[in-house]
Amino acid sequence: MRPDNFVAFFTVCGFFIGLTFTIVNIEDAIEIVVYTCLITFVFYVLIHVVIMIFVDIHKIGGRHFNKEKYENENNKFIAELAAREKKMDYLLEKLQEEREDLKKLESSNKRKNVKHAAA
């Protein structure tokens, strides 16, 4: 997740936690607003401190998408898949021819066996 998303998420969480806490414990409207803003601000500052300590922004923002390299690799994969598909088609054709030859051979063997049995 990007650091901006962390800030937004925890600020909103802080707002709702502050609002819930103040509504449950405080009855004056002005105090509800003040304490809600205070708790939201505490969450806002806290998440900034956490991001400064734990998140390396350079790793997140430093990615660069090389479109030409990506397209070249994809074209190589497509060419390789096309070559494999041609090989598979050739093998399937040969396999079909072998099956037809075996059927012819079996039918001729059956005829010979029938002729030898009749004689």
N, C-alpha and C. Protein backbone atom coordinates (compact mmCIF):
# COMPACT_ATOMS: atom_id res chain seq x y z
N MET A 1 0.83 -1.17 0.00
CA MET A 1 0.00 0.00 0.00
C MET A 1 0.88 1.24 0.00
N ARG A 2 0.44 2.27 -0.65
CA ARG A 2 1.19 3.52 -0.69
C ARG A 2 1.03 4.27 0.63
N PRO A 3 2.02 5.08 0.98
CA PRO A 3 1.94 5.83 2.25
C PRO A 3 0.72 6.75 2.32
N ASP A 4 0.31 7.32 1.19
CA ASP A 4 -0.87 8.20 1.19
C ASP A 4 -2.12 7.43 1.60
N ASN A 5 -2.20 6.18 1.17
CA ASN A 5 -3.36 5.37 1.53
C ASN A 5 -3.37 5.06 3.03
N PHE A 6 -2.18 4.80 3.60
CA PHE A 6 -2.10 4.59 5.05
C PHE A 6 -2.60 5.81 5.80
N VAL A 7 -2.15 6.98 5.38
CA VAL A 7 -2.54 8.23 6.06
C VAL A 7 -4.05 8.40 6.00
N ALA A 8 -4.62 8.25 4.82
CA ALA A 8 -6.06 8.43 4.67
C ALA A 8 -6.84 7.42 5.50
N PHE A 9 -6.43 6.15 5.44
CA PHE A 9 -7.14 5.11 6.16
C PHE A 9 -7.11 5.35 7.67
N PHE A 10 -5.94 5.61 8.21
CA PHE A 10 -5.85 5.78 9.67
C PHE A 10 -6.43 7.11 10.14
N THR A 11 -6.45 8.12 9.29
CA THR A 11 -7.11 9.37 9.67
C THR A 11 -8.62 9.15 9.79
N VAL A 12 -9.19 8.45 8.84
CA VAL A 12 -10.63 8.14 8.89
C VAL A 12 -10.93 7.24 10.09
N CYS A 13 -10.07 6.25 10.32
CA CYS A 13 -10.26 5.39 11.50
C CYS A 13 -10.21 6.22 12.78
N GLY A 14 -9.26 7.13 12.86
CA GLY A 14 -9.15 8.00 14.04
C GLY A 14 -10.38 8.85 14.23
N PHE A 15 -10.93 9.35 13.12
CA PHE A 15 -12.15 10.16 13.21
C PHE A 15 -13.29 9.35 13.80
N PHE A 16 -13.52 8.15 13.27
CA PHE A 16 -14.65 7.36 13.75
C PHE A 16 -14.43 6.83 15.17
N ILE A 17 -13.20 6.50 15.50
CA ILE A 17 -12.92 6.08 16.88
C ILE A 17 -13.13 7.26 17.83
N GLY A 18 -12.65 8.43 17.43
CA GLY A 18 -12.85 9.63 18.26
C GLY A 18 -14.32 9.97 18.40
N LEU A 19 -15.05 9.90 17.31
CA LEU A 19 -16.48 10.20 17.35
C LEU A 19 -17.22 9.22 18.26
N THR A 20 -16.91 7.95 18.14
CA THR A 20 -17.55 6.93 18.97
C THR A 20 -17.22 7.16 20.45
N PHE A 21 -15.96 7.39 20.74
CA PHE A 21 -15.53 7.61 22.12
C PHE A 21 -16.21 8.83 22.73
N THR A 22 -16.25 9.91 21.98
CA THR A 22 -16.82 11.14 22.54
C THR A 22 -18.33 11.05 22.68
N ILE A 23 -19.01 10.40 21.77
CA ILE A 23 -20.47 10.27 21.88
C ILE A 23 -20.83 9.42 23.10
N VAL A 24 -20.04 8.39 23.36
CA VAL A 24 -20.33 7.52 24.49
C VAL A 24 -20.05 8.22 25.82
N ASN A 25 -18.97 9.00 25.90
CA ASN A 25 -18.52 9.54 27.19
C ASN A 25 -18.86 11.00 27.44
N ILE A 26 -19.12 11.79 26.42
CA ILE A 26 -19.28 13.23 26.61
C ILE A 26 -20.67 13.65 26.13
N GLU A 27 -21.27 14.62 26.86
CA GLU A 27 -22.62 15.05 26.52
C GLU A 27 -22.67 16.43 25.88
N ASP A 28 -21.68 17.27 26.07
CA ASP A 28 -21.67 18.62 25.53
C ASP A 28 -21.25 18.58 24.05
N ALA A 29 -21.99 19.28 23.19
CA ALA A 29 -21.74 19.23 21.75
C ALA A 29 -20.37 19.80 21.37
N ILE A 30 -19.98 20.89 22.01
CA ILE A 30 -18.69 21.51 21.71
C ILE A 30 -17.54 20.57 22.07
N GLU A 31 -17.65 19.92 23.22
CA GLU A 31 -16.61 18.98 23.64
C GLU A 31 -16.54 17.78 22.70
N ILE A 32 -17.68 17.33 22.19
CA ILE A 32 -17.69 16.22 21.23
C ILE A 32 -16.88 16.60 20.00
N VAL A 33 -17.11 17.80 19.46
CA VAL A 33 -16.39 18.26 18.27
C VAL A 33 -14.90 18.41 18.57
N VAL A 34 -14.57 19.02 19.70
CA VAL A 34 -13.17 19.27 20.05
C VAL A 34 -12.42 17.96 20.25
N TYR A 35 -12.97 17.06 21.04
CA TYR A 35 -12.28 15.80 21.30
C TYR A 35 -12.21 14.90 20.05
N THR A 36 -13.24 14.94 19.22
CA THR A 36 -13.19 14.19 17.97
C THR A 36 -12.06 14.71 17.09
N CYS A 37 -11.94 16.01 16.96
CA CYS A 37 -10.85 16.60 16.17
C CYS A 37 -9.50 16.27 16.78
N LEU A 38 -9.41 16.31 18.11
CA LEU A 38 -8.15 16.02 18.79
C LEU A 38 -7.72 14.57 18.56
N ILE A 39 -8.64 13.64 18.71
CA ILE A 39 -8.31 12.22 18.52
C ILE A 39 -7.96 11.95 17.05
N THR A 40 -8.68 12.59 16.12
CA THR A 40 -8.36 12.44 14.70
C THR A 40 -6.96 12.96 14.42
N PHE A 41 -6.60 14.11 15.00
CA PHE A 41 -5.27 14.68 14.80
C PHE A 41 -4.19 13.76 15.38
N VAL A 42 -4.46 13.16 16.53
CA VAL A 42 -3.49 12.23 17.13
C VAL A 42 -3.25 11.04 16.20
N PHE A 43 -4.31 10.49 15.64
CA PHE A 43 -4.15 9.39 14.69
C PHE A 43 -3.37 9.85 13.45
N TYR A 44 -3.65 11.05 12.98
CA TYR A 44 -2.97 11.61 11.81
C TYR A 44 -1.47 11.73 12.06
N VAL A 45 -1.10 12.28 13.19
CA VAL A 45 0.32 12.44 13.53
C VAL A 45 0.97 11.07 13.76
N LEU A 46 0.26 10.19 14.45
CA LEU A 46 0.79 8.87 14.75
C LEU A 46 1.11 8.10 13.47
N ILE A 47 0.23 8.13 12.49
CA ILE A 47 0.48 7.38 11.26
C ILE A 47 1.63 7.99 10.48
N HIS A 48 1.81 9.31 10.55
CA HIS A 48 2.97 9.92 9.90
C HIS A 48 4.27 9.47 10.56
N VAL A 49 4.27 9.37 11.86
CA VAL A 49 5.46 8.88 12.57
C VAL A 49 5.75 7.43 12.18
N VAL A 50 4.71 6.62 12.14
CA VAL A 50 4.88 5.21 11.75
C VAL A 50 5.42 5.11 10.33
N ILE A 51 4.92 5.90 9.42
CA ILE A 51 5.40 5.87 8.04
C ILE A 51 6.86 6.31 7.98
N MET A 52 7.23 7.34 8.72
CA MET A 52 8.63 7.78 8.73
C MET A 52 9.56 6.69 9.23
N ILE A 53 9.11 5.92 10.20
CA ILE A 53 9.97 4.90 10.81
C ILE A 53 9.99 3.61 10.00
N PHE A 54 8.83 3.13 9.55
CA PHE A 54 8.74 1.78 9.01
C PHE A 54 8.61 1.66 7.50
N VAL A 55 8.18 2.68 6.79
CA VAL A 55 7.93 2.55 5.35
C VAL A 55 9.04 3.23 4.57
N ASP A 56 9.63 2.49 3.62
CA ASP A 56 10.66 3.05 2.75
C ASP A 56 9.99 3.55 1.48
N ILE A 57 9.87 4.86 1.37
CA ILE A 57 9.14 5.46 0.25
C ILE A 57 9.88 5.25 -1.07
N HIS A 58 11.21 5.18 -1.03
CA HIS A 58 11.99 5.02 -2.26
C HIS A 58 11.72 3.67 -2.92
N LYS A 59 11.50 2.63 -2.13
CA LYS A 59 11.18 1.33 -2.72
C LYS A 59 9.81 1.35 -3.38
N ILE A 60 8.86 2.03 -2.76
CA ILE A 60 7.49 2.04 -3.29
C ILE A 60 7.40 2.89 -4.55
N GLY A 61 7.98 4.07 -4.54
CA GLY A 61 7.85 4.99 -5.66
C GLY A 61 8.89 4.79 -6.74
N GLY A 62 9.88 3.93 -6.53
CA GLY A 62 10.98 3.81 -7.47
C GLY A 62 10.75 2.85 -8.62
N ARG A 63 9.62 2.26 -8.73
CA ARG A 63 9.36 1.31 -9.81
C ARG A 63 9.11 2.04 -11.12
N HIS A 64 9.71 1.50 -12.19
CA HIS A 64 9.50 2.06 -13.52
C HIS A 64 9.11 0.93 -14.44
N PHE A 65 8.02 1.08 -15.12
CA PHE A 65 7.52 0.04 -16.01
C PHE A 65 8.14 0.23 -17.39
N ASN A 66 8.91 -0.75 -17.83
CA ASN A 66 9.56 -0.70 -19.13
C ASN A 66 8.66 -1.40 -20.14
N LYS A 67 7.91 -0.61 -20.88
CA LYS A 67 6.91 -1.16 -21.80
C LYS A 67 7.57 -1.91 -22.95
N GLU A 68 8.67 -1.40 -23.49
CA GLU A 68 9.32 -2.06 -24.63
C GLU A 68 9.85 -3.44 -24.24
N LYS A 69 10.48 -3.53 -23.08
CA LYS A 69 10.98 -4.82 -22.62
C LYS A 69 9.83 -5.80 -22.42
N TYR A 70 8.76 -5.32 -21.82
CA TYR A 70 7.58 -6.15 -21.59
C TYR A 70 7.00 -6.66 -22.90
N GLU A 71 6.89 -5.78 -23.90
CA GLU A 71 6.35 -6.19 -25.20
C GLU A 71 7.28 -7.16 -25.91
N ASN A 72 8.59 -6.94 -25.83
CA ASN A 72 9.54 -7.86 -26.46
C ASN A 72 9.45 -9.26 -25.85
N GLU A 73 9.39 -9.32 -24.53
CA GLU A 73 9.26 -10.62 -23.86
C GLU A 73 7.96 -11.31 -24.24
N ASN A 74 6.88 -10.55 -24.29
CA ASN A 74 5.60 -11.14 -24.68
C ASN A 74 5.62 -11.64 -26.12
N ASN A 75 6.27 -10.89 -27.01
CA ASN A 75 6.37 -11.34 -28.40
C ASN A 75 7.18 -12.63 -28.51
N LYS A 76 8.24 -12.75 -27.70
CA LYS A 76 9.02 -14.00 -27.69
C LYS A 76 8.16 -15.16 -27.21
N PHE A 77 7.39 -14.92 -26.16
CA PHE A 77 6.52 -15.98 -25.64
C PHE A 77 5.47 -16.38 -26.68
N ILE A 78 4.91 -15.40 -27.36
CA ILE A 78 3.90 -15.69 -28.38
C ILE A 78 4.50 -16.50 -29.51
N ALA A 79 5.71 -16.12 -29.95
CA ALA A 79 6.38 -16.87 -31.02
C ALA A 79 6.69 -18.29 -30.58
N GLU A 80 7.13 -18.45 -29.34
CA GLU A 80 7.42 -19.79 -28.83
C GLU A 80 6.15 -20.63 -28.74
N LEU A 81 5.07 -20.03 -28.29
CA LEU A 81 3.80 -20.76 -28.23
C LEU A 81 3.31 -21.14 -29.62
N ALA A 82 3.49 -20.27 -30.60
CA ALA A 82 3.09 -20.59 -31.97
C ALA A 82 3.90 -21.76 -32.50
N ALA A 83 5.21 -21.78 -32.23
CA ALA A 83 6.05 -22.89 -32.67
C ALA A 83 5.61 -24.19 -31.99
N ARG A 84 5.32 -24.13 -30.72
CA ARG A 84 4.86 -25.33 -30.02
C ARG A 84 3.52 -25.80 -30.56
N GLU A 85 2.66 -24.87 -30.89
CA GLU A 85 1.35 -25.23 -31.44
C GLU A 85 1.52 -25.94 -32.79
N LYS A 86 2.44 -25.45 -33.62
CA LYS A 86 2.69 -26.11 -34.90
C LYS A 86 3.22 -27.52 -34.69
N LYS A 87 4.13 -27.69 -33.73
CA LYS A 87 4.64 -29.03 -33.42
C LYS A 87 3.52 -29.95 -32.96
N MET A 88 2.65 -29.43 -32.10
CA MET A 88 1.54 -30.25 -31.61
C MET A 88 0.59 -30.63 -32.74
N ASP A 89 0.31 -29.69 -33.64
CA ASP A 89 -0.54 -30.00 -34.79
C ASP A 89 0.08 -31.09 -35.65
N TYR A 90 1.39 -30.99 -35.89
CA TYR A 90 2.09 -31.99 -36.68
C TYR A 90 2.02 -33.36 -36.00
N LEU A 91 2.27 -33.38 -34.69
CA LEU A 91 2.21 -34.65 -33.96
C LEU A 91 0.80 -35.24 -33.96
N LEU A 92 -0.20 -34.39 -33.82
CA LEU A 92 -1.58 -34.89 -33.85
C LEU A 92 -1.95 -35.45 -35.22
N GLU A 93 -1.47 -34.80 -36.29
CA GLU A 93 -1.72 -35.32 -37.63
C GLU A 93 -1.06 -36.68 -37.81
N LYS A 94 0.18 -36.81 -37.38
CA LYS A 94 0.89 -38.09 -37.49
C LYS A 94 0.20 -39.16 -36.65
N LEU A 95 -0.26 -38.79 -35.49
CA LEU A 95 -0.96 -39.74 -34.63
C LEU A 95 -2.25 -40.20 -35.29
N GLN A 96 -2.96 -39.28 -35.92
CA GLN A 96 -4.20 -39.65 -36.61
C GLN A 96 -3.89 -40.59 -37.78
N GLU A 97 -2.82 -40.31 -38.53
CA GLU A 97 -2.42 -41.20 -39.62
C GLU A 97 -2.07 -42.58 -39.11
N GLU A 98 -1.36 -42.66 -37.99
CA GLU A 98 -1.02 -43.95 -37.39
C GLU A 98 -2.27 -44.71 -36.97
N ARG A 99 -3.24 -44.01 -36.41
CA ARG A 99 -4.49 -44.66 -36.02
C ARG A 99 -5.22 -45.23 -37.24
N GLU A 100 -5.25 -44.45 -38.31
CA GLU A 100 -5.90 -44.92 -39.53
C GLU A 100 -5.17 -46.13 -40.10
N ASP A 101 -3.83 -46.09 -40.09
CA ASP A 101 -3.06 -47.24 -40.57
C ASP A 101 -3.31 -48.47 -39.71
N LEU A 102 -3.39 -48.30 -38.40
CA LEU A 102 -3.67 -49.42 -37.51
C LEU A 102 -5.06 -50.00 -37.76
N LYS A 103 -6.05 -49.13 -38.00
CA LYS A 103 -7.40 -49.61 -38.29
C LYS A 103 -7.42 -50.42 -39.58
N LYS A 104 -6.71 -49.93 -40.60
CA LYS A 104 -6.63 -50.67 -41.86
C LYS A 104 -5.94 -52.01 -41.67
N LEU A 105 -4.86 -52.00 -40.91
CA LEU A 105 -4.12 -53.23 -40.65
C LEU A 105 -4.97 -54.22 -39.87
N GLU A 106 -5.70 -53.74 -38.87
CA GLU A 106 -6.57 -54.62 -38.09
C GLU A 106 -7.69 -55.19 -38.94
N SER A 107 -8.28 -54.35 -39.80
CA SER A 107 -9.37 -54.86 -40.65
C SER A 107 -8.84 -55.88 -41.66
N SER A 108 -7.63 -55.66 -42.19
CA SER A 108 -7.08 -56.65 -43.13
C SER A 108 -6.72 -57.94 -42.38
N ASN A 109 -6.23 -57.85 -41.14
CA ASN A 109 -5.94 -59.04 -40.35
C ASN A 109 -7.21 -59.81 -40.02
N LYS A 110 -8.31 -59.10 -39.76
CA LYS A 110 -9.58 -59.77 -39.48
C LYS A 110 -10.06 -60.52 -40.72
N ARG A 111 -9.91 -59.90 -41.88
CA ARG A 111 -10.33 -60.57 -43.12
C ARG A 111 -9.50 -61.83 -43.36
N LYS A 112 -8.19 -61.74 -43.11
CA LYS A 112 -7.33 -62.91 -43.29
C LYS A 112 -7.71 -64.00 -42.32
N ASN A 113 -8.00 -63.62 -41.08
CA ASN A 113 -8.39 -64.61 -40.07
C ASN A 113 -9.72 -65.26 -40.44
N VAL A 114 -10.64 -64.49 -41.00
CA VAL A 114 -11.93 -65.05 -41.41
C VAL A 114 -11.73 -66.00 -42.58
N LYS A 115 -10.88 -65.65 -43.54
CA LYS A 115 -10.61 -66.52 -44.69
C LYS A 115 -9.93 -67.81 -44.25
N HIS A 116 -8.96 -67.72 -43.32
CA HIS A 116 -8.27 -68.92 -42.84
C HIS A 116 -9.21 -69.80 -42.02
N ALA A 117 -10.13 -69.19 -41.29
CA ALA A 117 -11.07 -69.97 -40.49
C ALA A 117 -12.08 -70.67 -41.39
N ALA A 118 -12.44 -70.04 -42.52
CA ALA A 118 -13.42 -70.63 -43.42
C ALA A 118 -12.79 -71.75 -44.25
N ALA A 119 -11.51 -71.69 -44.47
CA ALA A 119 -10.86 -72.71 -45.31
C ALA A 119 -10.53 -73.92 -44.57
